[in-house]
Structure formats: C-alpha cells, structure tokens
Amino acid sequence: MMDWNMLSAIGACGSAIASFGSAIASLWALCYARKALNTWNRQEQFKVKLEFKRALLELEDAFEAMPDNWNSTQYRIARTGVGQQYNAVVHRVDDAAQLYFKKENLKSAYQNAVRAWVLCEGGIKDKSIHAEWKQLRTDYSQYILTGGNKNCYLSKIEKIYSRIVVFID
C-alpha cells in the first residue's frame, strides 16, 4: 500500500525544486534583459553624440563658406539684391548676393547643431564642453546679427568636436 504522505512530500519537494529553478531562470533572464537595455542605451548615446559631432562639422563647413569678414550692411545689400534678382527673374546670383545664401546656410547648420545638442547634452559628462558650447552660442548670436571674423568661431567649433569622445575603449 502506498504512503500518500510520502508521495505528497516528494511532490512538494519537486515543486520547490521547480520553483527554485524557475526563480534562477527568471534572474538569468532579468540580467540578460538588463544587459540588452544597457547595450541599447550605449548605442543610443553613441548615435546622439555622433549626430552632434556631425552637426558641428556641418556648422564648421558653413562657417568656412562665409567670407572672412562681413558686416550687417553687406548682408542687407545682399538680401536686397537677391530680392531684386528674383523679381527680375535673373538666374545668375552675383558674388555680393552670395552672402545672403551663405548666411542662410549657416543659420540652418546652427539650428541642426542646437537640435543635436539638446539630444546629447545629458550624455556628455565633460562640463567644459558644456561651457564651451554655451560660449559658442552666445558668440554666434552676436556674429549672426552684426557679422565679424569667422576664424575665431572655427577654432571654437574645432575645440568642441575634438573633445567629444564617441568611441570608448
């Protein structure tokens, strides 16, 4: 005759072992999921840093295209010339009017850099980059209104993007 108490005890022991195995499997799955999320997080940080660096290089190119020195009077003349040329349906843009298009390109590149900065600002640990970016934004605001020499901005942009670490060993 079978002892039902013994069978119940064996069943309970088997159930406890299965529960323990299930808990171990759940912990393993949790660790694996955490590792996957950390990998995904690092990939996203990489993407936004890379995007900011790309936007800075685009901004640098836009600054390179600007004249070495310009002022707001030259820009107003260029803007007026562009408006008159479009009204007259002239297809060739003269050199003086090029300033208008170069400045518009610079403004667009700057807006792209600002958007990229917003995404990666929290991921950049180096506080000096934050300070340099803030200073570049202040200086850019003055430059875009009044003009000036582009060379000091080129060095500031280069200083920022050269310090952004995208790949970590």
N, C-alpha and C. Protein backbone atom coordinates (compact mmCIF):
# COMPACT_ATOMS: atom_id res chain seq x y z
N MET A 1 0.83 -1.15 0.00
CA MET A 1 0.00 0.00 0.00
C MET A 1 0.89 1.24 0.00
N MET A 2 0.48 2.23 -0.74
CA MET A 2 1.27 3.44 -0.90
C MET A 2 1.02 4.38 0.26
N ASP A 3 2.12 5.01 0.62
CA ASP A 3 2.01 6.03 1.67
C ASP A 3 1.79 7.38 1.00
N TRP A 4 0.58 7.89 1.15
CA TRP A 4 0.23 9.15 0.49
C TRP A 4 1.01 10.32 1.06
N ASN A 5 1.37 10.24 2.29
CA ASN A 5 2.17 11.33 2.89
C ASN A 5 3.53 11.43 2.22
N MET A 6 4.11 10.29 1.94
CA MET A 6 5.43 10.29 1.29
C MET A 6 5.34 10.84 -0.12
N LEU A 7 4.31 10.43 -0.84
CA LEU A 7 4.12 10.95 -2.19
C LEU A 7 3.87 12.46 -2.18
N SER A 8 3.12 12.94 -1.22
CA SER A 8 2.87 14.38 -1.10
C SER A 8 4.17 15.13 -0.81
N ALA A 9 5.00 14.56 0.06
CA ALA A 9 6.28 15.19 0.40
C ALA A 9 7.20 15.21 -0.81
N ILE A 10 7.23 14.12 -1.55
CA ILE A 10 8.06 14.07 -2.77
C ILE A 10 7.56 15.09 -3.78
N GLY A 11 6.24 15.19 -3.94
CA GLY A 11 5.65 16.17 -4.85
C GLY A 11 5.96 17.59 -4.43
N ALA A 12 5.88 17.86 -3.13
CA ALA A 12 6.18 19.21 -2.62
C ALA A 12 7.65 19.53 -2.84
N CYS A 13 8.52 18.54 -2.64
CA CYS A 13 9.95 18.75 -2.86
C CYS A 13 10.22 19.02 -4.34
N GLY A 14 9.58 18.28 -5.20
CA GLY A 14 9.73 18.50 -6.64
C GLY A 14 9.23 19.87 -7.04
N SER A 15 8.12 20.28 -6.45
CA SER A 15 7.56 21.60 -6.74
C SER A 15 8.51 22.70 -6.26
N ALA A 16 9.13 22.52 -5.11
CA ALA A 16 10.08 23.50 -4.58
C ALA A 16 11.31 23.59 -5.49
N ILE A 17 11.78 22.45 -5.95
CA ILE A 17 12.94 22.45 -6.86
C ILE A 17 12.58 23.14 -8.16
N ALA A 18 11.40 22.88 -8.68
CA ALA A 18 10.96 23.53 -9.92
C ALA A 18 10.82 25.04 -9.71
N SER A 19 10.28 25.44 -8.56
CA SER A 19 10.14 26.88 -8.26
C SER A 19 11.51 27.54 -8.16
N PHE A 20 12.45 26.85 -7.51
CA PHE A 20 13.80 27.39 -7.40
C PHE A 20 14.44 27.53 -8.78
N GLY A 21 14.27 26.51 -9.61
CA GLY A 21 14.79 26.57 -10.98
C GLY A 21 14.15 27.69 -11.78
N SER A 22 12.87 27.88 -11.58
CA SER A 22 12.16 28.97 -12.26
C SER A 22 12.67 30.33 -11.79
N ALA A 23 12.94 30.46 -10.50
CA ALA A 23 13.48 31.72 -9.97
C ALA A 23 14.87 32.00 -10.54
N ILE A 24 15.69 30.96 -10.64
CA ILE A 24 17.03 31.12 -11.22
C ILE A 24 16.91 31.54 -12.68
N ALA A 25 16.02 30.90 -13.42
CA ALA A 25 15.83 31.24 -14.84
C ALA A 25 15.32 32.68 -14.98
N SER A 26 14.43 33.09 -14.08
CA SER A 26 13.92 34.47 -14.12
C SER A 26 15.03 35.47 -13.83
N LEU A 27 15.88 35.17 -12.85
CA LEU A 27 17.01 36.06 -12.54
C LEU A 27 17.97 36.14 -13.72
N TRP A 28 18.23 35.01 -14.34
CA TRP A 28 19.11 35.00 -15.51
C TRP A 28 18.51 35.84 -16.63
N ALA A 29 17.20 35.68 -16.87
CA ALA A 29 16.52 36.46 -17.92
C ALA A 29 16.55 37.95 -17.58
N LEU A 30 16.38 38.28 -16.30
CA LEU A 30 16.43 39.67 -15.87
C LEU A 30 17.82 40.27 -16.10
N CYS A 31 18.85 39.52 -15.77
CA CYS A 31 20.23 40.00 -16.01
C CYS A 31 20.49 40.18 -17.50
N TYR A 32 20.03 39.25 -18.29
CA TYR A 32 20.21 39.33 -19.74
C TYR A 32 19.45 40.53 -20.31
N ALA A 33 18.23 40.75 -19.82
CA ALA A 33 17.44 41.90 -20.29
C ALA A 33 18.11 43.21 -19.88
N ARG A 34 18.66 43.26 -18.68
CA ARG A 34 19.37 44.47 -18.24
C ARG A 34 20.59 44.73 -19.12
N LYS A 35 21.31 43.68 -19.44
CA LYS A 35 22.48 43.83 -20.31
C LYS A 35 22.04 44.33 -21.69
N ALA A 36 20.95 43.79 -22.20
CA ALA A 36 20.45 44.23 -23.51
C ALA A 36 20.03 45.69 -23.46
N LEU A 37 19.36 46.11 -22.39
CA LEU A 37 18.96 47.51 -22.26
C LEU A 37 20.16 48.44 -22.13
N ASN A 38 21.17 48.00 -21.40
CA ASN A 38 22.39 48.81 -21.28
C ASN A 38 23.08 48.94 -22.63
N THR A 39 23.11 47.86 -23.39
CA THR A 39 23.70 47.91 -24.73
C THR A 39 22.92 48.87 -25.62
N TRP A 40 21.61 48.78 -25.56
CA TRP A 40 20.75 49.68 -26.34
C TRP A 40 20.98 51.13 -25.92
N ASN A 41 21.09 51.37 -24.60
CA ASN A 41 21.32 52.73 -24.10
C ASN A 41 22.66 53.27 -24.61
N ARG A 42 23.70 52.45 -24.57
CA ARG A 42 25.01 52.89 -25.08
C ARG A 42 24.94 53.18 -26.57
N GLN A 43 24.20 52.36 -27.31
CA GLN A 43 24.05 52.60 -28.75
C GLN A 43 23.34 53.92 -29.01
N GLU A 44 22.32 54.23 -28.23
CA GLU A 44 21.60 55.50 -28.41
C GLU A 44 22.49 56.68 -28.05
N GLN A 45 23.27 56.55 -26.97
CA GLN A 45 24.21 57.62 -26.60
C GLN A 45 25.23 57.82 -27.71
N PHE A 46 25.70 56.73 -28.27
CA PHE A 46 26.65 56.81 -29.37
C PHE A 46 26.04 57.56 -30.55
N LYS A 47 24.79 57.22 -30.88
CA LYS A 47 24.12 57.85 -32.03
C LYS A 47 23.96 59.35 -31.83
N VAL A 48 23.52 59.78 -30.63
CA VAL A 48 23.29 61.21 -30.44
C VAL A 48 24.61 61.98 -30.36
N LYS A 49 25.64 61.38 -29.78
CA LYS A 49 26.94 62.05 -29.78
C LYS A 49 27.48 62.17 -31.20
N LEU A 50 27.32 61.10 -31.96
CA LEU A 50 27.77 61.12 -33.34
C LEU A 50 26.99 62.17 -34.14
N GLU A 51 25.71 62.27 -33.89
CA GLU A 51 24.88 63.27 -34.58
C GLU A 51 25.32 64.69 -34.22
N PHE A 52 25.64 64.92 -32.95
CA PHE A 52 26.10 66.25 -32.54
C PHE A 52 27.44 66.57 -33.19
N LYS A 53 28.31 65.59 -33.21
CA LYS A 53 29.62 65.81 -33.84
C LYS A 53 29.45 66.09 -35.33
N ARG A 54 28.55 65.35 -35.99
CA ARG A 54 28.27 65.59 -37.40
C ARG A 54 27.70 66.99 -37.62
N ALA A 55 26.80 67.40 -36.73
CA ALA A 55 26.20 68.73 -36.85
C ALA A 55 27.25 69.82 -36.64
N LEU A 56 28.19 69.59 -35.73
CA LEU A 56 29.27 70.56 -35.53
C LEU A 56 30.15 70.66 -36.77
N LEU A 57 30.43 69.53 -37.39
CA LEU A 57 31.23 69.56 -38.62
C LEU A 57 30.48 70.28 -39.74
N GLU A 58 29.17 70.09 -39.81
CA GLU A 58 28.36 70.80 -40.80
C GLU A 58 28.38 72.30 -40.51
N LEU A 59 28.31 72.66 -39.23
CA LEU A 59 28.39 74.07 -38.84
C LEU A 59 29.75 74.65 -39.20
N GLU A 60 30.79 73.87 -38.99
CA GLU A 60 32.13 74.32 -39.34
C GLU A 60 32.23 74.56 -40.85
N ASP A 61 31.66 73.66 -41.64
CA ASP A 61 31.66 73.85 -43.10
C ASP A 61 30.91 75.11 -43.49
N ALA A 62 29.79 75.37 -42.83
CA ALA A 62 29.02 76.58 -43.14
C ALA A 62 29.81 77.83 -42.78
N PHE A 63 30.54 77.79 -41.67
CA PHE A 63 31.40 78.93 -41.31
C PHE A 63 32.52 79.09 -42.33
N GLU A 64 33.07 77.97 -42.78
CA GLU A 64 34.15 78.02 -43.79
C GLU A 64 33.68 78.72 -45.06
N ALA A 65 32.42 78.52 -45.42
CA ALA A 65 31.89 79.12 -46.65
C ALA A 65 31.65 80.63 -46.51
N MET A 66 31.51 81.09 -45.27
CA MET A 66 31.27 82.52 -45.06
C MET A 66 32.51 83.32 -45.44
N PRO A 67 32.34 84.59 -45.81
CA PRO A 67 33.50 85.44 -46.07
C PRO A 67 34.32 85.60 -44.78
N ASP A 68 35.62 85.87 -44.94
CA ASP A 68 36.45 86.03 -43.75
C ASP A 68 35.91 87.11 -42.83
N ASN A 69 35.49 88.22 -43.40
CA ASN A 69 34.89 89.31 -42.64
C ASN A 69 33.66 89.79 -43.38
N TRP A 70 32.61 90.10 -42.65
CA TRP A 70 31.41 90.68 -43.23
C TRP A 70 30.71 91.48 -42.16
N ASN A 71 29.79 92.32 -42.58
CA ASN A 71 29.02 93.10 -41.61
C ASN A 71 27.56 93.12 -42.03
N SER A 72 26.74 93.67 -41.16
CA SER A 72 25.29 93.65 -41.40
C SER A 72 24.90 94.49 -42.61
N THR A 73 25.66 95.53 -42.91
CA THR A 73 25.35 96.35 -44.09
C THR A 73 25.53 95.53 -45.36
N GLN A 74 26.61 94.79 -45.45
CA GLN A 74 26.84 93.92 -46.61
C GLN A 74 25.71 92.90 -46.74
N TYR A 75 25.27 92.39 -45.62
CA TYR A 75 24.19 91.40 -45.66
C TYR A 75 22.89 92.02 -46.16
N ARG A 76 22.56 93.21 -45.67
CA ARG A 76 21.33 93.87 -46.13
C ARG A 76 21.38 94.14 -47.63
N ILE A 77 22.55 94.54 -48.13
CA ILE A 77 22.71 94.76 -49.58
C ILE A 77 22.51 93.44 -50.33
N ALA A 78 23.09 92.37 -49.81
CA ALA A 78 22.96 91.05 -50.45
C ALA A 78 21.50 90.60 -50.45
N ARG A 79 20.82 90.78 -49.33
CA ARG A 79 19.42 90.37 -49.23
C ARG A 79 18.55 91.16 -50.21
N THR A 80 18.80 92.45 -50.31
CA THR A 80 18.06 93.29 -51.26
C THR A 80 18.35 92.85 -52.69
N GLY A 81 19.61 92.57 -52.97
CA GLY A 81 19.99 92.12 -54.32
C GLY A 81 19.33 90.82 -54.70
N VAL A 82 19.22 89.90 -53.76
CA VAL A 82 18.57 88.62 -54.03
C VAL A 82 17.10 88.85 -54.32
N GLY A 83 16.45 89.70 -53.54
CA GLY A 83 15.04 90.00 -53.78
C GLY A 83 14.81 90.63 -55.14
N GLN A 84 15.68 91.54 -55.54
CA GLN A 84 15.54 92.19 -56.84
C GLN A 84 15.80 91.20 -57.97
N GLN A 85 16.77 90.32 -57.78
CA GLN A 85 17.07 89.35 -58.83
C GLN A 85 15.91 88.39 -59.02
N TYR A 86 15.28 87.95 -57.94
CA TYR A 86 14.14 87.06 -58.08
C TYR A 86 12.97 87.78 -58.73
N ASN A 87 12.80 89.04 -58.40
CA ASN A 87 11.72 89.80 -59.04
C ASN A 87 11.98 89.99 -60.52
N ALA A 88 13.24 90.13 -60.89
CA ALA A 88 13.60 90.33 -62.30
C ALA A 88 13.81 89.00 -63.02
N VAL A 89 13.64 87.89 -62.33
CA VAL A 89 13.83 86.55 -62.88
C VAL A 89 15.22 86.42 -63.50
N VAL A 90 16.20 86.81 -62.74
CA VAL A 90 17.59 86.64 -63.15
C VAL A 90 18.08 85.34 -62.53
N HIS A 91 18.70 84.50 -63.32
CA HIS A 91 19.11 83.18 -62.84
C HIS A 91 20.50 83.16 -62.24
N ARG A 92 21.32 84.10 -62.54
CA ARG A 92 22.68 84.12 -62.00
C ARG A 92 22.70 84.99 -60.75
N VAL A 93 23.33 84.48 -59.71
CA VAL A 93 23.45 85.22 -58.46
C VAL A 93 24.85 85.79 -58.40
N ASP A 94 24.97 87.10 -58.23
CA ASP A 94 26.30 87.71 -58.20
C ASP A 94 26.98 87.45 -56.87
N ASP A 95 28.27 87.77 -56.81
CA ASP A 95 29.08 87.47 -55.63
C ASP A 95 28.58 88.19 -54.39
N ALA A 96 28.12 89.42 -54.54
CA ALA A 96 27.63 90.16 -53.38
C ALA A 96 26.40 89.48 -52.77
N ALA A 97 25.55 88.94 -53.61
CA ALA A 97 24.33 88.28 -53.12
C ALA A 97 24.62 86.91 -52.51
N GLN A 98 25.77 86.34 -52.78
CA GLN A 98 26.12 85.04 -52.21
C GLN A 98 26.11 85.07 -50.68
N LEU A 99 26.43 86.22 -50.10
CA LEU A 99 26.44 86.34 -48.64
C LEU A 99 25.08 85.96 -48.06
N TYR A 100 24.03 86.36 -48.72
CA TYR A 100 22.68 86.03 -48.24
C TYR A 100 22.50 84.51 -48.14
N PHE A 101 22.84 83.79 -49.18
CA PHE A 101 22.67 82.34 -49.19
C PHE A 101 23.62 81.65 -48.22
N LYS A 102 24.82 82.15 -48.10
CA LYS A 102 25.77 81.57 -47.16
C LYS A 102 25.29 81.75 -45.72
N LYS A 103 24.75 82.92 -45.43
CA LYS A 103 24.25 83.16 -44.08
C LYS A 103 23.04 82.29 -43.79
N GLU A 104 22.17 82.11 -44.75
CA GLU A 104 21.01 81.23 -44.56
C GLU A 104 21.47 79.80 -44.31
N ASN A 105 22.47 79.35 -45.03
CA ASN A 105 23.03 78.02 -44.83
C ASN A 105 23.65 77.90 -43.44
N LEU A 106 24.34 78.94 -43.01
CA LEU A 106 24.94 78.95 -41.67
C LEU A 106 23.86 78.86 -40.60
N LYS A 107 22.79 79.60 -40.76
CA LYS A 107 21.70 79.57 -39.78
C LYS A 107 21.07 78.18 -39.72
N SER A 108 20.90 77.55 -40.85
CA SER A 108 20.34 76.20 -40.89
C SER A 108 21.28 75.20 -40.20
N ALA A 109 22.57 75.30 -40.48
CA ALA A 109 23.54 74.39 -39.85
C ALA A 109 23.58 74.61 -38.34
N TYR A 110 23.46 75.85 -37.92
CA TYR A 110 23.46 76.15 -36.49
C TYR A 110 22.23 75.54 -35.82
N GLN A 111 21.07 75.67 -36.44
CA GLN A 111 19.85 75.08 -35.87
C GLN A 111 19.96 73.56 -35.77
N ASN A 112 20.59 72.92 -36.74
CA ASN A 112 20.81 71.47 -36.66
C ASN A 112 21.72 71.13 -35.49
N ALA A 113 22.75 71.94 -35.28
CA ALA A 113 23.67 71.70 -34.17
C ALA A 113 22.96 71.88 -32.83
N VAL A 114 22.09 72.87 -32.74
CA VAL A 114 21.34 73.08 -31.50
C VAL A 114 20.42 71.89 -31.23
N ARG A 115 19.74 71.41 -32.25
CA ARG A 115 18.86 70.24 -32.08
C ARG A 115 19.66 69.01 -31.62
N ALA A 116 20.81 68.82 -32.22
CA ALA A 116 21.65 67.67 -31.83
C ALA A 116 22.17 67.83 -30.41
N TRP A 117 22.48 69.07 -30.01
CA TRP A 117 22.96 69.32 -28.65
C TRP A 117 21.87 68.97 -27.63
N VAL A 118 20.65 69.33 -27.92
CA VAL A 118 19.55 69.06 -27.00
C VAL A 118 19.45 67.56 -26.73
N LEU A 119 19.67 66.75 -27.75
CA LEU A 119 19.58 65.30 -27.59
C LEU A 119 20.73 64.72 -26.77
N CYS A 120 21.93 65.25 -26.95
CA CYS A 120 23.09 64.61 -26.32
C CYS A 120 23.62 65.36 -25.11
N GLU A 121 23.02 66.46 -24.74
CA GLU A 121 23.53 67.28 -23.64
C GLU A 121 23.74 66.47 -22.36
N GLY A 122 22.76 65.65 -21.99
CA GLY A 122 22.88 64.86 -20.77
C GLY A 122 23.91 63.75 -20.86
N GLY A 123 24.25 63.31 -22.05
CA GLY A 123 25.20 62.22 -22.22
C GLY A 123 26.65 62.66 -22.24
N ILE A 124 26.89 63.96 -22.28
CA ILE A 124 28.26 64.46 -22.29
C ILE A 124 28.64 64.82 -20.86
N LYS A 125 29.59 64.09 -20.33
CA LYS A 125 29.98 64.26 -18.93
C LYS A 125 30.96 65.41 -18.73
N ASP A 126 31.73 65.74 -19.75
CA ASP A 126 32.75 66.79 -19.65
C ASP A 126 32.07 68.16 -19.57
N LYS A 127 32.11 68.77 -18.38
CA LYS A 127 31.43 70.06 -18.17
C LYS A 127 32.08 71.19 -18.94
N SER A 128 33.34 71.05 -19.30
CA SER A 128 33.98 72.12 -20.07
C SER A 128 33.38 72.20 -21.48
N ILE A 129 32.92 71.08 -22.02
CA ILE A 129 32.24 71.10 -23.32
C ILE A 129 30.94 71.88 -23.20
N HIS A 130 30.24 71.69 -22.08
CA HIS A 130 29.01 72.44 -21.85
C HIS A 130 29.30 73.94 -21.84
N ALA A 131 30.35 74.33 -21.13
CA ALA A 131 30.70 75.75 -21.04
C ALA A 131 31.13 76.31 -22.41
N GLU A 132 31.90 75.53 -23.15
CA GLU A 132 32.35 75.98 -24.48
C GLU A 132 31.17 76.10 -25.45
N TRP A 133 30.24 75.17 -25.38
CA TRP A 133 29.06 75.24 -26.24
C TRP A 133 28.22 76.48 -25.89
N LYS A 134 28.06 76.73 -24.60
CA LYS A 134 27.30 77.91 -24.17
C LYS A 134 27.97 79.19 -24.69
N GLN A 135 29.29 79.24 -24.60
CA GLN A 135 30.02 80.42 -25.09
C GLN A 135 29.89 80.55 -26.61
N LEU A 136 29.97 79.43 -27.32
CA LEU A 136 29.81 79.47 -28.78
C LEU A 136 28.42 79.98 -29.15
N ARG A 137 27.40 79.55 -28.43
CA ARG A 137 26.04 80.02 -28.71
C ARG A 137 25.92 81.52 -28.49
N THR A 138 26.53 82.02 -27.42
CA THR A 138 26.50 83.46 -27.15
C THR A 138 27.22 84.22 -28.25
N ASP A 139 28.41 83.75 -28.60
CA ASP A 139 29.20 84.42 -29.64
C ASP A 139 28.50 84.34 -31.00
N TYR A 140 27.89 83.21 -31.29
CA TYR A 140 27.19 83.05 -32.57
C TYR A 140 26.05 84.06 -32.69
N SER A 141 25.32 84.26 -31.60
CA SER A 141 24.21 85.22 -31.64
C SER A 141 24.69 86.60 -32.05
N GLN A 142 25.84 86.99 -31.54
CA GLN A 142 26.41 88.29 -31.91
C GLN A 142 26.88 88.28 -33.36
N TYR A 143 27.53 87.21 -33.76
CA TYR A 143 28.08 87.10 -35.12
C TYR A 143 26.97 87.15 -36.17
N ILE A 144 25.89 86.43 -35.94
CA ILE A 144 24.84 86.34 -36.94
C ILE A 144 24.10 87.67 -37.10
N LEU A 145 24.11 88.50 -36.06
CA LEU A 145 23.46 89.81 -36.15
C LEU A 145 24.35 90.87 -36.78
N THR A 146 25.61 90.89 -36.38
CA THR A 146 26.47 92.01 -36.78
C THR A 146 27.58 91.63 -37.74
N GLY A 147 27.86 90.35 -37.89
CA GLY A 147 28.97 89.93 -38.73
C GLY A 147 30.26 89.87 -37.93
N GLY A 148 31.36 89.82 -38.63
CA GLY A 148 32.65 89.75 -37.97
C GLY A 148 33.59 88.81 -38.70
N ASN A 149 34.58 88.35 -37.95
CA ASN A 149 35.59 87.45 -38.50
C ASN A 149 35.22 86.02 -38.13
N LYS A 150 35.20 85.13 -39.10
CA LYS A 150 34.77 83.75 -38.88
C LYS A 150 35.83 82.89 -38.19
N ASN A 151 37.09 83.29 -38.23
CA ASN A 151 38.17 82.40 -37.79
C ASN A 151 38.11 82.04 -36.32
N CYS A 152 37.68 82.96 -35.45
CA CYS A 152 37.61 82.61 -34.03
C CYS A 152 36.52 81.56 -33.78
N TYR A 153 35.48 81.56 -34.59
CA TYR A 153 34.40 80.58 -34.43
C TYR A 153 34.84 79.20 -34.91
N LEU A 154 35.62 79.18 -35.94
CA LEU A 154 36.12 77.89 -36.45
C LEU A 154 36.95 77.18 -35.39
N SER A 155 37.80 77.92 -34.69
CA SER A 155 38.64 77.30 -33.66
C SER A 155 37.79 76.83 -32.48
N LYS A 156 36.73 77.58 -32.15
CA LYS A 156 35.86 77.17 -31.04
C LYS A 156 35.11 75.89 -31.39
N ILE A 157 34.62 75.81 -32.61
CA ILE A 157 33.89 74.61 -33.04
C ILE A 157 34.83 73.41 -33.04
N GLU A 158 36.02 73.59 -33.56
CA GLU A 158 37.01 72.50 -33.61
C GLU A 158 37.36 72.04 -32.20
N LYS A 159 37.47 72.97 -31.27
CA LYS A 159 37.81 72.64 -29.89
C LYS A 159 36.71 71.77 -29.26
N ILE A 160 35.47 72.09 -29.58
CA ILE A 160 34.36 71.31 -29.01
C ILE A 160 34.31 69.91 -29.61
N TYR A 161 34.29 69.82 -30.93
CA TYR A 161 34.10 68.48 -31.51
C TYR A 161 35.31 67.59 -31.35
N SER A 162 36.48 68.17 -31.16
CA SER A 162 37.66 67.32 -30.95
C SER A 162 37.67 66.70 -29.55
N ARG A 163 36.91 67.26 -28.63
CA ARG A 163 36.89 66.75 -27.26
C ARG A 163 35.73 65.80 -27.00
N ILE A 164 34.84 65.66 -27.97
CA ILE A 164 33.71 64.75 -27.78
C ILE A 164 34.18 63.33 -28.08
N VAL A 165 34.12 62.49 -27.07
CA VAL A 165 34.55 61.10 -27.21
C VAL A 165 33.34 60.28 -27.63
N VAL A 166 33.42 59.70 -28.80
CA VAL A 166 32.31 58.89 -29.30
C VAL A 166 32.59 57.42 -29.01
N PHE A 167 33.78 56.96 -29.31
CA PHE A 167 34.15 55.57 -29.06
C PHE A 167 34.91 55.48 -27.76
N ILE A 168 34.51 54.54 -26.90
CA ILE A 168 35.17 54.34 -25.62
C ILE A 168 35.85 52.98 -25.65
N ASP A 169 37.11 52.96 -25.25
CA ASP A 169 37.85 51.70 -25.23
C ASP A 169 37.43 50.84 -24.08
